Amino acid sequence: AMVVVTYIPVVRRVLRQEPQPSPYECTKTGVVDMTPWRPMYPIVGAILVLLTILVISLQLASFWLFVTFWCLWFVALVCLMWGATTSTPMADAKSGAEEATVSPNFQRGESSADGVSDAE
């Protein structure tokens, strides 16, 4: 369906488009904040340790080590949720950090490639 609509001029005229499609040109750079998440490495280390405890508890068939795993897993989950709320780089966007995340090529009020205006 996309090929027919894109490359057959008669269908394009019926849909009130130009007879020849124009190639896409990216004129703006991204505006997504790519700051690394600070607690990533401790959480990854905790998950590795917890999985090691799980494997050992299952290999040894130790009920108490299995219960310990689930208790520590719950603590790690709470730490994960706490880390996600306290270290978000966009938390101070209202205090002027918004200008640091917007590309210099992106003008305020322009519409993006998907037609959504940034002025909202």
N, C-alpha and C. Protein backbone atom coordinates (compact mmCIF):
# COMPACT_ATOMS: atom_id res chain seq x y z
N ALA A 1 0.83 -1.19 0.00
CA ALA A 1 0.00 0.00 0.00
C ALA A 1 0.88 1.26 0.00
N MET A 2 1.96 1.25 0.78
CA MET A 2 2.82 2.43 0.83
C MET A 2 3.52 2.67 -0.51
N VAL A 3 3.92 1.60 -1.17
CA VAL A 3 4.59 1.74 -2.46
C VAL A 3 3.64 2.34 -3.48
N VAL A 4 2.39 1.88 -3.49
CA VAL A 4 1.40 2.38 -4.45
C VAL A 4 1.16 3.86 -4.21
N VAL A 5 0.95 4.25 -2.98
CA VAL A 5 0.67 5.65 -2.66
C VAL A 5 1.89 6.53 -2.91
N THR A 6 3.08 5.99 -2.72
CA THR A 6 4.30 6.79 -2.87
C THR A 6 4.72 6.95 -4.32
N TYR A 7 4.66 5.90 -5.12
CA TYR A 7 5.31 5.93 -6.42
C TYR A 7 4.38 5.95 -7.63
N ILE A 8 3.09 5.91 -7.47
CA ILE A 8 2.17 6.00 -8.62
C ILE A 8 1.58 7.40 -8.64
N PRO A 9 1.96 8.22 -9.64
CA PRO A 9 1.53 9.63 -9.69
C PRO A 9 0.02 9.82 -9.72
N VAL A 10 -0.73 8.93 -10.37
CA VAL A 10 -2.18 9.08 -10.44
C VAL A 10 -2.80 9.00 -9.04
N VAL A 11 -2.33 8.04 -8.27
CA VAL A 11 -2.83 7.88 -6.90
C VAL A 11 -2.44 9.10 -6.07
N ARG A 12 -1.24 9.61 -6.27
CA ARG A 12 -0.79 10.80 -5.53
C ARG A 12 -1.64 12.01 -5.87
N ARG A 13 -2.03 12.17 -7.16
CA ARG A 13 -2.88 13.30 -7.56
C ARG A 13 -4.27 13.17 -6.95
N VAL A 14 -4.80 11.95 -6.91
CA VAL A 14 -6.12 11.73 -6.29
C VAL A 14 -6.08 12.12 -4.82
N LEU A 15 -4.96 11.87 -4.16
CA LEU A 15 -4.81 12.22 -2.74
C LEU A 15 -4.30 13.64 -2.53
N ARG A 16 -4.25 14.43 -3.64
CA ARG A 16 -3.84 15.85 -3.62
C ARG A 16 -2.43 16.04 -3.10
N GLN A 17 -1.52 15.19 -3.58
CA GLN A 17 -0.11 15.30 -3.25
C GLN A 17 0.67 15.67 -4.50
N GLU A 18 1.93 16.07 -4.33
CA GLU A 18 2.78 16.36 -5.46
C GLU A 18 2.99 15.07 -6.27
N PRO A 19 3.16 15.17 -7.60
CA PRO A 19 3.34 13.95 -8.40
C PRO A 19 4.59 13.16 -8.03
N GLN A 20 5.67 13.83 -7.66
CA GLN A 20 6.91 13.17 -7.26
C GLN A 20 7.12 13.36 -5.76
N PRO A 21 7.39 12.29 -5.03
CA PRO A 21 7.65 12.45 -3.59
C PRO A 21 8.98 13.15 -3.35
N SER A 22 9.01 13.99 -2.35
CA SER A 22 10.26 14.66 -2.01
C SER A 22 10.98 13.85 -0.94
N PRO A 23 12.31 13.72 -1.03
CA PRO A 23 13.05 12.95 -0.03
C PRO A 23 13.03 13.64 1.33
N TYR A 24 13.07 12.84 2.36
CA TYR A 24 13.07 13.37 3.73
C TYR A 24 14.41 14.02 4.03
N GLU A 25 14.35 15.20 4.63
CA GLU A 25 15.57 15.91 5.05
C GLU A 25 15.44 16.23 6.53
N CYS A 26 16.35 15.72 7.30
CA CYS A 26 16.37 16.00 8.73
C CYS A 26 17.05 17.34 8.95
N THR A 27 16.30 18.32 9.44
CA THR A 27 16.86 19.65 9.63
C THR A 27 17.10 19.99 11.09
N LYS A 28 16.59 19.19 12.00
CA LYS A 28 16.73 19.48 13.42
C LYS A 28 17.48 18.35 14.10
N THR A 29 18.17 18.71 15.17
CA THR A 29 18.84 17.69 15.97
C THR A 29 17.91 17.26 17.10
N GLY A 30 18.24 16.18 17.77
CA GLY A 30 17.39 15.66 18.83
C GLY A 30 17.33 16.57 20.03
N VAL A 31 16.26 16.46 20.79
CA VAL A 31 16.08 17.26 21.99
C VAL A 31 15.90 16.37 23.22
N VAL A 32 16.35 15.13 23.14
CA VAL A 32 16.23 14.19 24.25
C VAL A 32 17.46 14.31 25.14
N ASP A 33 17.23 14.41 26.43
CA ASP A 33 18.33 14.49 27.38
C ASP A 33 18.99 13.11 27.49
N MET A 34 20.28 13.04 27.22
CA MET A 34 21.01 11.77 27.22
C MET A 34 21.93 11.65 28.44
N THR A 35 21.60 12.33 29.53
CA THR A 35 22.39 12.25 30.75
C THR A 35 22.31 10.84 31.32
N PRO A 36 23.46 10.21 31.63
CA PRO A 36 23.42 8.85 32.19
C PRO A 36 22.71 8.83 33.54
N TRP A 37 22.02 7.74 33.80
CA TRP A 37 21.30 7.57 35.06
C TRP A 37 22.31 7.22 36.13
N ARG A 38 22.40 8.02 37.17
CA ARG A 38 23.44 7.87 38.18
C ARG A 38 23.43 6.53 38.90
N PRO A 39 22.29 6.00 39.34
CA PRO A 39 22.35 4.73 40.08
C PRO A 39 22.38 3.49 39.19
N MET A 40 22.70 3.62 37.92
CA MET A 40 22.67 2.47 37.02
C MET A 40 23.67 1.39 37.45
N TYR A 41 24.92 1.74 37.68
CA TYR A 41 25.93 0.74 38.01
C TYR A 41 25.67 0.05 39.35
N PRO A 42 25.27 0.78 40.40
CA PRO A 42 24.94 0.06 41.65
C PRO A 42 23.74 -0.88 41.49
N ILE A 43 22.75 -0.48 40.72
CA ILE A 43 21.58 -1.35 40.52
C ILE A 43 21.98 -2.59 39.73
N VAL A 44 22.80 -2.42 38.70
CA VAL A 44 23.27 -3.58 37.93
C VAL A 44 24.06 -4.52 38.82
N GLY A 45 24.94 -3.97 39.67
CA GLY A 45 25.70 -4.80 40.60
C GLY A 45 24.80 -5.53 41.58
N ALA A 46 23.78 -4.84 42.08
CA ALA A 46 22.84 -5.47 43.03
C ALA A 46 22.08 -6.60 42.36
N ILE A 47 21.66 -6.41 41.12
CA ILE A 47 20.94 -7.46 40.40
C ILE A 47 21.84 -8.68 40.19
N LEU A 48 23.10 -8.45 39.83
CA LEU A 48 24.03 -9.57 39.65
C LEU A 48 24.24 -10.34 40.95
N VAL A 49 24.40 -9.62 42.05
CA VAL A 49 24.58 -10.27 43.36
C VAL A 49 23.32 -11.05 43.73
N LEU A 50 22.15 -10.44 43.51
CA LEU A 50 20.90 -11.12 43.85
C LEU A 50 20.68 -12.37 43.02
N LEU A 51 21.01 -12.31 41.75
CA LEU A 51 20.86 -13.50 40.91
C LEU A 51 21.84 -14.59 41.33
N THR A 52 23.01 -14.20 41.77
CA THR A 52 23.97 -15.18 42.28
C THR A 52 23.43 -15.85 43.53
N ILE A 53 22.85 -15.06 44.43
CA ILE A 53 22.24 -15.62 45.64
C ILE A 53 21.10 -16.57 45.27
N LEU A 54 20.30 -16.19 44.27
CA LEU A 54 19.20 -17.04 43.84
C LEU A 54 19.70 -18.37 43.30
N VAL A 55 20.70 -18.33 42.46
CA VAL A 55 21.24 -19.57 41.88
C VAL A 55 21.81 -20.46 42.97
N ILE A 56 22.56 -19.86 43.90
CA ILE A 56 23.15 -20.65 45.00
C ILE A 56 22.06 -21.25 45.87
N SER A 57 21.01 -20.46 46.18
CA SER A 57 19.94 -20.99 47.03
C SER A 57 19.19 -22.13 46.35
N LEU A 58 19.03 -22.03 45.04
CA LEU A 58 18.35 -23.12 44.32
C LEU A 58 19.24 -24.35 44.19
N GLN A 59 20.54 -24.15 43.99
CA GLN A 59 21.46 -25.29 43.88
C GLN A 59 21.60 -26.03 45.21
N LEU A 60 21.62 -25.27 46.31
CA LEU A 60 21.76 -25.89 47.63
C LEU A 60 20.42 -26.31 48.23
N ALA A 61 19.34 -25.92 47.57
CA ALA A 61 17.98 -26.20 48.07
C ALA A 61 17.78 -25.65 49.47
N SER A 62 18.30 -24.44 49.68
CA SER A 62 18.21 -23.80 50.99
C SER A 62 16.99 -22.87 51.02
N PHE A 63 16.02 -23.24 51.85
CA PHE A 63 14.80 -22.42 51.95
C PHE A 63 15.12 -21.04 52.53
N TRP A 64 15.97 -20.99 53.56
CA TRP A 64 16.27 -19.71 54.20
C TRP A 64 17.07 -18.79 53.28
N LEU A 65 17.94 -19.33 52.49
CA LEU A 65 18.67 -18.51 51.53
C LEU A 65 17.71 -18.00 50.43
N PHE A 66 16.73 -18.82 50.09
CA PHE A 66 15.72 -18.40 49.12
C PHE A 66 14.86 -17.26 49.67
N VAL A 67 14.46 -17.36 50.95
CA VAL A 67 13.70 -16.29 51.60
C VAL A 67 14.55 -15.03 51.69
N THR A 68 15.83 -15.20 52.00
CA THR A 68 16.74 -14.06 52.05
C THR A 68 16.84 -13.38 50.70
N PHE A 69 16.89 -14.17 49.63
CA PHE A 69 16.91 -13.61 48.28
C PHE A 69 15.70 -12.72 48.06
N TRP A 70 14.50 -13.21 48.38
CA TRP A 70 13.30 -12.42 48.13
C TRP A 70 13.26 -11.16 48.99
N CYS A 71 13.73 -11.23 50.21
CA CYS A 71 13.80 -10.02 51.05
C CYS A 71 14.75 -8.99 50.45
N LEU A 72 15.93 -9.46 50.03
CA LEU A 72 16.89 -8.54 49.41
C LEU A 72 16.39 -8.03 48.06
N TRP A 73 15.65 -8.87 47.34
CA TRP A 73 15.07 -8.42 46.06
C TRP A 73 14.09 -7.29 46.30
N PHE A 74 13.28 -7.40 47.35
CA PHE A 74 12.33 -6.33 47.69
C PHE A 74 13.07 -5.05 48.05
N VAL A 75 14.14 -5.17 48.83
CA VAL A 75 14.94 -3.99 49.19
C VAL A 75 15.54 -3.35 47.94
N ALA A 76 16.04 -4.17 47.01
CA ALA A 76 16.60 -3.64 45.76
C ALA A 76 15.53 -2.96 44.93
N LEU A 77 14.33 -3.50 44.92
CA LEU A 77 13.23 -2.89 44.18
C LEU A 77 12.87 -1.53 44.75
N VAL A 78 12.83 -1.43 46.08
CA VAL A 78 12.55 -0.14 46.72
C VAL A 78 13.67 0.85 46.41
N CYS A 79 14.92 0.40 46.43
CA CYS A 79 16.04 1.28 46.09
C CYS A 79 15.97 1.72 44.63
N LEU A 80 15.54 0.83 43.76
CA LEU A 80 15.38 1.18 42.36
C LEU A 80 14.33 2.27 42.18
N MET A 81 13.21 2.12 42.85
CA MET A 81 12.16 3.15 42.76
C MET A 81 12.63 4.45 43.38
N TRP A 82 13.34 4.37 44.49
CA TRP A 82 13.84 5.58 45.14
C TRP A 82 14.88 6.27 44.25
N GLY A 83 15.75 5.49 43.63
CA GLY A 83 16.77 6.07 42.76
C GLY A 83 16.17 6.71 41.51
N ALA A 84 15.09 6.15 41.02
CA ALA A 84 14.45 6.71 39.84
C ALA A 84 13.79 8.04 40.15
N THR A 85 13.35 8.27 41.38
CA THR A 85 12.68 9.53 41.70
C THR A 85 13.64 10.60 42.16
N THR A 86 14.78 10.22 42.74
CA THR A 86 15.69 11.24 43.27
C THR A 86 16.77 11.67 42.29
N SER A 87 17.02 10.88 41.25
CA SER A 87 18.13 11.23 40.38
C SER A 87 17.71 11.56 38.96
N THR A 88 16.44 11.86 38.76
CA THR A 88 15.99 12.17 37.41
C THR A 88 16.57 13.52 36.98
N PRO A 89 17.23 13.60 35.82
CA PRO A 89 17.85 14.84 35.40
C PRO A 89 16.85 15.89 34.99
N MET A 90 15.61 15.52 34.74
CA MET A 90 14.62 16.49 34.30
C MET A 90 13.81 17.05 35.47
N ALA A 91 14.16 16.69 36.71
CA ALA A 91 13.39 17.13 37.86
C ALA A 91 13.43 18.64 38.04
N ASP A 92 14.52 19.27 37.64
CA ASP A 92 14.63 20.72 37.81
C ASP A 92 14.39 21.46 36.49
N ALA A 93 13.52 20.94 35.64
CA ALA A 93 13.25 21.57 34.35
C ALA A 93 12.58 22.93 34.53
N LYS A 94 11.82 23.10 35.61
CA LYS A 94 11.15 24.37 35.83
C LYS A 94 12.10 25.46 36.28
N SER A 95 13.29 25.09 36.72
CA SER A 95 14.24 26.10 37.19
C SER A 95 15.22 26.54 36.12
N GLY A 96 14.94 26.25 34.87
CA GLY A 96 15.79 26.74 33.79
C GLY A 96 16.64 25.70 33.12
N ALA A 97 16.54 24.46 33.52
CA ALA A 97 17.34 23.41 32.90
C ALA A 97 16.81 23.05 31.52
N GLU A 98 15.62 23.54 31.17
CA GLU A 98 15.03 23.22 29.87
C GLU A 98 15.88 23.74 28.73
N GLU A 99 16.48 24.91 28.89
CA GLU A 99 17.31 25.46 27.83
C GLU A 99 18.56 24.62 27.58
N ALA A 100 19.04 23.90 28.60
CA ALA A 100 20.23 23.07 28.43
C ALA A 100 19.94 21.82 27.62
N THR A 101 18.70 21.39 27.58
CA THR A 101 18.37 20.16 26.87
C THR A 101 17.90 20.41 25.45
N VAL A 102 17.59 21.66 25.10
CA VAL A 102 17.10 21.97 23.76
C VAL A 102 18.27 22.30 22.86
N SER A 103 18.29 21.72 21.70
CA SER A 103 19.36 21.96 20.74
C SER A 103 19.35 23.41 20.27
N PRO A 104 20.51 24.01 19.99
CA PRO A 104 20.53 25.39 19.52
C PRO A 104 19.87 25.55 18.15
N ASN A 105 19.74 24.48 17.38
CA ASN A 105 19.09 24.58 16.08
C ASN A 105 17.58 24.52 16.17
N PHE A 106 17.05 24.20 17.33
CA PHE A 106 15.62 24.03 17.51
C PHE A 106 15.04 25.35 18.00
N GLN A 107 14.27 26.02 17.19
CA GLN A 107 13.68 27.31 17.54
C GLN A 107 12.37 27.10 18.30
N ARG A 108 12.16 27.90 19.33
CA ARG A 108 10.95 27.80 20.13
C ARG A 108 9.74 28.13 19.27
N GLY A 109 8.69 27.29 19.34
CA GLY A 109 7.46 27.56 18.62
C GLY A 109 7.39 26.88 17.27
N GLU A 110 8.49 26.34 16.79
CA GLU A 110 8.46 25.61 15.52
C GLU A 110 7.75 24.28 15.73
N SER A 111 7.21 23.77 14.66
CA SER A 111 6.62 22.43 14.77
C SER A 111 7.70 21.42 14.41
N SER A 112 7.66 20.29 15.06
CA SER A 112 8.65 19.25 14.81
C SER A 112 8.24 18.45 13.59
N ALA A 113 9.03 17.41 13.28
CA ALA A 113 8.78 16.63 12.07
C ALA A 113 7.44 15.92 12.11
N ASP A 114 6.92 15.62 13.31
CA ASP A 114 5.64 14.93 13.38
C ASP A 114 4.47 15.89 13.44
N GLY A 115 4.73 17.19 13.30
CA GLY A 115 3.66 18.17 13.23
C GLY A 115 3.21 18.70 14.57
N VAL A 116 3.86 18.32 15.64
CA VAL A 116 3.48 18.79 16.97
C VAL A 116 4.27 20.04 17.29
N SER A 117 3.60 21.08 17.71
CA SER A 117 4.27 22.34 18.00
C SER A 117 4.95 22.26 19.36
N ASP A 118 6.12 22.89 19.48
CA ASP A 118 6.87 22.91 20.72
C ASP A 118 6.41 24.05 21.64
N ALA A 119 5.57 24.93 21.15
CA ALA A 119 5.18 26.10 21.91
C ALA A 119 4.18 25.78 23.02
N GLU A 120 3.65 24.58 23.05
CA GLU A 120 2.64 24.23 24.05
C GLU A 120 3.17 24.17 25.42
